[in-house]
Amino acid sequence: MIENLPEIFERPNKKTEDERQAENQYDEALKTLGAMKIENEFLKKEVRSSSAAPNCTGPIPSD
């Protein structure tokens, strides 16, 4: 019983190092995914606006 006393004062929701590391990796993955979605939407808009320009129709002439 005496050897279990330190456990009484520990927080029950204390995270292990592995749990913190996994949570950090998950957060980084979400940040990356969000940035990629924003970049993808931006590029879609750029392609639409550039393909609507009159000089961008047809094949690119070779030199």
PDB file of N, CA and C in Angstrom:
ATOM      1  N   MET A   1       0.817  -1.191   0.000  1.00  0.00           N
ATOM      2  CA  MET A   1       0.000   0.000   0.000  1.00  0.00           C
ATOM      3  C   MET A   1       0.868   1.265   0.000  1.00  0.00           C
ATOM      4  N   ILE A   2       1.908   1.288   0.788  1.00  0.00           N
ATOM      5  CA  ILE A   2       2.774   2.460   0.855  1.00  0.00           C
ATOM      6  C   ILE A   2       3.471   2.686  -0.477  1.00  0.00           C
ATOM      7  N   GLU A   3       3.833   1.625  -1.170  1.00  0.00           N
ATOM      8  CA  GLU A   3       4.514   1.790  -2.458  1.00  0.00           C
ATOM      9  C   GLU A   3       3.594   2.380  -3.529  1.00  0.00           C
ATOM     10  N   ASN A   4       2.289   2.344  -3.324  1.00  0.00           N
ATOM     11  CA  ASN A   4       1.335   2.900  -4.287  1.00  0.00           C
ATOM     12  C   ASN A   4       0.974   4.353  -3.991  1.00  0.00           C
ATOM     13  N   LEU A   5       1.472   4.930  -2.922  1.00  0.00           N
ATOM     14  CA  LEU A   5       1.132   6.302  -2.556  1.00  0.00           C
ATOM     15  C   LEU A   5       1.476   7.329  -3.638  1.00  0.00           C
ATOM     16  N   PRO A   6       2.617   7.258  -4.310  1.00  0.00           N
ATOM     17  CA  PRO A   6       2.895   8.251  -5.356  1.00  0.00           C
ATOM     18  C   PRO A   6       1.843   8.262  -6.463  1.00  0.00           C
ATOM     19  N   GLU A   7       1.232   7.137  -6.740  1.00  0.00           N
ATOM     20  CA  GLU A   7       0.211   7.072  -7.781  1.00  0.00           C
ATOM     21  C   GLU A   7      -1.031   7.870  -7.415  1.00  0.00           C
ATOM     22  N   ILE A   8      -1.283   8.045  -6.128  1.00  0.00           N
ATOM     23  CA  ILE A   8      -2.446   8.812  -5.682  1.00  0.00           C
ATOM     24  C   ILE A   8      -2.320  10.267  -6.121  1.00  0.00           C
ATOM     25  N   PHE A   9      -1.102  10.791  -6.106  1.00  0.00           N
ATOM     26  CA  PHE A   9      -0.886  12.192  -6.411  1.00  0.00           C
ATOM     27  C   PHE A   9      -0.625  12.462  -7.891  1.00  0.00           C
ATOM     28  N   GLU A  10      -0.501  11.431  -8.678  1.00  0.00           N
ATOM     29  CA  GLU A  10      -0.313  11.620 -10.112  1.00  0.00           C
ATOM     30  C   GLU A  10      -1.650  11.934 -10.763  1.00  0.00           C
ATOM     31  N   ARG A  11      -1.591  12.720 -11.804  1.00  0.00           N
ATOM     32  CA  ARG A  11      -2.815  13.018 -12.537  1.00  0.00           C
ATOM     33  C   ARG A  11      -3.213  11.790 -13.340  1.00  0.00           C
ATOM     34  N   PRO A  12      -4.494  11.433 -13.323  1.00  0.00           N
ATOM     35  CA  PRO A  12      -4.927  10.241 -14.060  1.00  0.00           C
ATOM     36  C   PRO A  12      -4.853  10.424 -15.572  1.00  0.00           C
ATOM     37  N   ASN A  13      -4.907  11.664 -16.049  1.00  0.00           N
ATOM     38  CA  ASN A  13      -4.858  11.905 -17.489  1.00  0.00           C
ATOM     39  C   ASN A  13      -3.455  12.278 -17.969  1.00  0.00           C
ATOM     40  N   LYS A  14      -2.462  11.960 -17.201  1.00  0.00           N
ATOM     41  CA  LYS A  14      -1.078  12.251 -17.569  1.00  0.00           C
ATOM     42  C   LYS A  14      -0.709  11.434 -18.807  1.00  0.00           C
ATOM     43  N   LYS A  15      -0.227  12.115 -19.820  1.00  0.00           N
ATOM     44  CA  LYS A  15       0.086  11.449 -21.083  1.00  0.00           C
ATOM     45  C   LYS A  15       1.510  10.912 -21.075  1.00  0.00           C
ATOM     46  N   THR A  16       1.677   9.805 -21.736  1.00  0.00           N
ATOM     47  CA  THR A  16       3.014   9.247 -21.875  1.00  0.00           C
ATOM     48  C   THR A  16       3.741   9.985 -22.992  1.00  0.00           C
ATOM     49  N   GLU A  17       5.021   9.799 -23.054  1.00  0.00           N
ATOM     50  CA  GLU A  17       5.826  10.439 -24.104  1.00  0.00           C
ATOM     51  C   GLU A  17       5.374   9.976 -25.484  1.00  0.00           C
ATOM     52  N   ASP A  18       5.049   8.703 -25.626  1.00  0.00           N
ATOM     53  CA  ASP A  18       4.579   8.181 -26.913  1.00  0.00           C
ATOM     54  C   ASP A  18       3.261   8.828 -27.323  1.00  0.00           C
ATOM     55  N   GLU A  19       2.368   9.026 -26.364  1.00  0.00           N
ATOM     56  CA  GLU A  19       1.083   9.661 -26.670  1.00  0.00           C
ATOM     57  C   GLU A  19       1.281  11.109 -27.100  1.00  0.00           C
ATOM     58  N   ARG A  20       2.170  11.816 -26.416  1.00  0.00           N
ATOM     59  CA  ARG A  20       2.451  13.204 -26.798  1.00  0.00           C
ATOM     60  C   ARG A  20       3.082  13.280 -28.178  1.00  0.00           C
ATOM     61  N   GLN A  21       3.986  12.359 -28.453  1.00  0.00           N
ATOM     62  CA  GLN A  21       4.653  12.333 -29.750  1.00  0.00           C
ATOM     63  C   GLN A  21       3.645  12.035 -30.863  1.00  0.00           C
ATOM     64  N   ALA A  22       2.758  11.081 -30.631  1.00  0.00           N
ATOM     65  CA  ALA A  22       1.737  10.744 -31.621  1.00  0.00           C
ATOM     66  C   ALA A  22       0.794  11.920 -31.840  1.00  0.00           C
ATOM     67  N   GLU A  23       0.447  12.612 -30.780  1.00  0.00           N
ATOM     68  CA  GLU A  23      -0.428  13.774 -30.894  1.00  0.00           C
ATOM     69  C   GLU A  23       0.253  14.886 -31.688  1.00  0.00           C
ATOM     70  N   ASN A  24       1.541  15.106 -31.452  1.00  0.00           N
ATOM     71  CA  ASN A  24       2.281  16.120 -32.205  1.00  0.00           C
ATOM     72  C   ASN A  24       2.366  15.761 -33.682  1.00  0.00           C
ATOM     73  N   GLN A  25       2.590  14.485 -33.983  1.00  0.00           N
ATOM     74  CA  GLN A  25       2.640  14.052 -35.379  1.00  0.00           C
ATOM     75  C   GLN A  25       1.286  14.247 -36.047  1.00  0.00           C
ATOM     76  N   TYR A  26       0.220  13.942 -35.338  1.00  0.00           N
ATOM     77  CA  TYR A  26      -1.131  14.123 -35.866  1.00  0.00           C
ATOM     78  C   TYR A  26      -1.391  15.605 -36.148  1.00  0.00           C
ATOM     79  N   ASP A  27      -1.015  16.475 -35.213  1.00  0.00           N
ATOM     80  CA  ASP A  27      -1.195  17.910 -35.406  1.00  0.00           C
ATOM     81  C   ASP A  27      -0.415  18.411 -36.614  1.00  0.00           C
ATOM     82  N   GLU A  28       0.818  17.957 -36.772  1.00  0.00           N
ATOM     83  CA  GLU A  28       1.629  18.361 -37.921  1.00  0.00           C
ATOM     84  C   GLU A  28       1.007  17.872 -39.228  1.00  0.00           C
ATOM     85  N   ALA A  29       0.476  16.656 -39.221  1.00  0.00           N
ATOM     86  CA  ALA A  29      -0.166  16.118 -40.420  1.00  0.00           C
ATOM     87  C   ALA A  29      -1.392  16.950 -40.783  1.00  0.00           C
ATOM     88  N   LEU A  30      -2.167  17.370 -39.790  1.00  0.00           N
ATOM     89  CA  LEU A  30      -3.337  18.207 -40.058  1.00  0.00           C
ATOM     90  C   LEU A  30      -2.928  19.571 -40.613  1.00  0.00           C
ATOM     91  N   LYS A  31      -1.861  20.146 -40.076  1.00  0.00           N
ATOM     92  CA  LYS A  31      -1.377  21.430 -40.585  1.00  0.00           C
ATOM     93  C   LYS A  31      -0.936  21.296 -42.036  1.00  0.00           C
ATOM     94  N   THR A  32      -0.202  20.233 -42.335  1.00  0.00           N
ATOM     95  CA  THR A  32       0.270  19.999 -43.696  1.00  0.00           C
ATOM     96  C   THR A  32      -0.901  19.793 -44.640  1.00  0.00           C
ATOM     97  N   LEU A  33      -1.870  19.000 -44.216  1.00  0.00           N
ATOM     98  CA  LEU A  33      -3.046  18.749 -45.043  1.00  0.00           C
ATOM     99  C   LEU A  33      -3.803  20.038 -45.316  1.00  0.00           C
ATOM    100  N   GLY A  34      -3.973  20.860 -44.309  1.00  0.00           N
ATOM    101  CA  GLY A  34      -4.657  22.136 -44.488  1.00  0.00           C
ATOM    102  C   GLY A  34      -3.924  23.042 -45.463  1.00  0.00           C
ATOM    103  N   ALA A  35      -2.610  23.107 -45.334  1.00  0.00           N
ATOM    104  CA  ALA A  35      -1.817  23.934 -46.244  1.00  0.00           C
ATOM    105  C   ALA A  35      -1.911  23.420 -47.673  1.00  0.00           C
ATOM    106  N   MET A  36      -1.910  22.102 -47.832  1.00  0.00           N
ATOM    107  CA  MET A  36      -1.998  21.522 -49.170  1.00  0.00           C
ATOM    108  C   MET A  36      -3.369  21.788 -49.796  1.00  0.00           C
ATOM    109  N   LYS A  37      -4.425  21.749 -48.996  1.00  0.00           N
ATOM    110  CA  LYS A  37      -5.764  22.043 -49.513  1.00  0.00           C
ATOM    111  C   LYS A  37      -5.851  23.491 -49.988  1.00  0.00           C
ATOM    112  N   ILE A  38      -5.294  24.396 -49.193  1.00  0.00           N
ATOM    113  CA  ILE A  38      -5.309  25.812 -49.571  1.00  0.00           C
ATOM    114  C   ILE A  38      -4.520  26.022 -50.854  1.00  0.00           C
ATOM    115  N   GLU A  39      -3.351  25.407 -50.944  1.00  0.00           N
ATOM    116  CA  GLU A  39      -2.525  25.533 -52.143  1.00  0.00           C
ATOM    117  C   GLU A  39      -3.244  24.949 -53.358  1.00  0.00           C
ATOM    118  N   ASN A  40      -3.903  23.818 -53.179  1.00  0.00           N
ATOM    119  CA  ASN A  40      -4.628  23.174 -54.266  1.00  0.00           C
ATOM    120  C   ASN A  40      -5.751  24.079 -54.782  1.00  0.00           C
ATOM    121  N   GLU A  41      -6.517  24.673 -53.880  1.00  0.00           N
ATOM    122  CA  GLU A  41      -7.595  25.577 -54.288  1.00  0.00           C
ATOM    123  C   GLU A  41      -7.035  26.797 -55.013  1.00  0.00           C
ATOM    124  N   PHE A  42      -5.933  27.328 -54.525  1.00  0.00           N
ATOM    125  CA  PHE A  42      -5.305  28.475 -55.176  1.00  0.00           C
ATOM    126  C   PHE A  42      -4.868  28.115 -56.594  1.00  0.00           C
ATOM    127  N   LEU A  43      -4.232  26.962 -56.745  1.00  0.00           N
ATOM    128  CA  LEU A  43      -3.761  26.551 -58.065  1.00  0.00           C
ATOM    129  C   LEU A  43      -4.921  26.276 -59.013  1.00  0.00           C
ATOM    130  N   LYS A  44      -6.015  25.735 -58.510  1.00  0.00           N
ATOM    131  CA  LYS A  44      -7.197  25.516 -59.352  1.00  0.00           C
ATOM    132  C   LYS A  44      -7.700  26.842 -59.910  1.00  0.00           C
ATOM    133  N   LYS A  45      -7.760  27.852 -59.047  1.00  0.00           N
ATOM    134  CA  LYS A  45      -8.223  29.170 -59.480  1.00  0.00           C
ATOM    135  C   LYS A  45      -7.258  29.774 -60.496  1.00  0.00           C
ATOM    136  N   GLU A  46      -5.968  29.603 -60.283  1.00  0.00           N
ATOM    137  CA  GLU A  46      -4.972  30.135 -61.209  1.00  0.00           C
ATOM    138  C   GLU A  46      -5.093  29.482 -62.582  1.00  0.00           C
ATOM    139  N   VAL A  47      -5.292  28.179 -62.615  1.00  0.00           N
ATOM    140  CA  VAL A  47      -5.415  27.468 -63.886  1.00  0.00           C
ATOM    141  C   VAL A  47      -6.664  27.927 -64.615  1.00  0.00           C
ATOM    142  N   ARG A  48      -7.767  28.071 -63.887  1.00  0.00           N
ATOM    143  CA  ARG A  48      -9.011  28.528 -64.516  1.00  0.00           C
ATOM    144  C   ARG A  48      -8.848  29.928 -65.093  1.00  0.00           C
ATOM    145  N   SER A  49      -8.235  30.824 -64.342  1.00  0.00           N
ATOM    146  CA  SER A  49      -8.103  32.198 -64.818  1.00  0.00           C
ATOM    147  C   SER A  49      -7.089  32.292 -65.956  1.00  0.00           C
ATOM    148  N   SER A  50      -6.041  31.487 -65.936  1.00  0.00           N
ATOM    149  CA  SER A  50      -5.056  31.553 -67.013  1.00  0.00           C
ATOM    150  C   SER A  50      -5.573  30.865 -68.272  1.00  0.00           C
ATOM    151  N   SER A  51      -6.417  29.845 -68.129  1.00  0.00           N
ATOM    152  CA  SER A  51      -6.950  29.184 -69.320  1.00  0.00           C
ATOM    153  C   SER A  51      -8.027  30.033 -69.970  1.00  0.00           C
ATOM    154  N   ALA A  52      -8.585  30.987 -69.248  1.00  0.00           N
ATOM    155  CA  ALA A  52      -9.583  31.880 -69.820  1.00  0.00           C
ATOM    156  C   ALA A  52      -8.932  33.024 -70.594  1.00  0.00           C
ATOM    157  N   ALA A  53      -7.648  33.238 -70.426  1.00  0.00           N
ATOM    158  CA  ALA A  53      -6.941  34.305 -71.132  1.00  0.00           C
ATOM    159  C   ALA A  53      -6.814  33.945 -72.606  1.00  0.00           C
ATOM    160  N   PRO A  54      -6.976  34.915 -73.508  1.00  0.00           N
ATOM    161  CA  PRO A  54      -6.939  34.611 -74.949  1.00  0.00           C
ATOM    162  C   PRO A  54      -5.576  34.137 -75.450  1.00  0.00           C
ATOM    163  N   ASN A  55      -4.499  34.500 -74.808  1.00  0.00           N
ATOM    164  CA  ASN A  55      -3.173  34.118 -75.275  1.00  0.00           C
ATOM    165  C   ASN A  55      -2.779  32.706 -74.861  1.00  0.00           C
ATOM    166  N   CYS A  56      -3.585  32.054 -74.087  1.00  0.00           N
ATOM    167  CA  CYS A  56      -3.219  30.753 -73.541  1.00  0.00           C
ATOM    168  C   CYS A  56      -3.928  29.600 -74.241  1.00  0.00           C
ATOM    169  N   THR A  57      -4.494  29.834 -75.395  1.00  0.00           N
ATOM    170  CA  THR A  57      -5.192  28.751 -76.082  1.00  0.00           C
ATOM    171  C   THR A  57      -4.272  28.107 -77.093  1.00  0.00           C
ATOM    172  N   GLY A  58      -4.469  26.848 -77.315  1.00  0.00           N
ATOM    173  CA  GLY A  58      -3.686  26.133 -78.315  1.00  0.00           C
ATOM    174  C   GLY A  58      -2.347  25.679 -77.784  1.00  0.00           C
ATOM    175  N   PRO A  59      -1.612  24.950 -78.619  1.00  0.00           N
ATOM    176  CA  PRO A  59      -0.310  24.430 -78.195  1.00  0.00           C
ATOM    177  C   PRO A  59       0.726  25.545 -78.084  1.00  0.00           C
ATOM    178  N   ILE A  60       1.714  25.300 -77.275  1.00  0.00           N
ATOM    179  CA  ILE A  60       2.806  26.254 -77.099  1.00  0.00           C
ATOM    180  C   ILE A  60       3.764  26.090 -78.273  1.00  0.00           C
ATOM    181  N   PRO A  61       4.072  27.180 -78.987  1.00  0.00           N
ATOM    182  CA  PRO A  61       4.983  27.064 -80.135  1.00  0.00           C
ATOM    183  C   PRO A  61       6.398  26.715 -79.684  1.00  0.00           C
ATOM    184  N   SER A  62       7.051  25.869 -80.444  1.00  0.00           N
ATOM    185  CA  SER A  62       8.428  25.504 -80.125  1.00  0.00           C
ATOM    186  C   SER A  62       9.379  26.383 -80.915  1.00  0.00           C
ATOM    187  N   ASP A  63      10.539  26.619 -80.384  1.00  0.00           N
ATOM    188  CA  ASP A  63      11.537  27.477 -81.059  1.00  0.00           C
ATOM    189  C   ASP A  63      12.309  26.724 -82.091  1.00  0.00           C
TER     190      ASP A  63
END
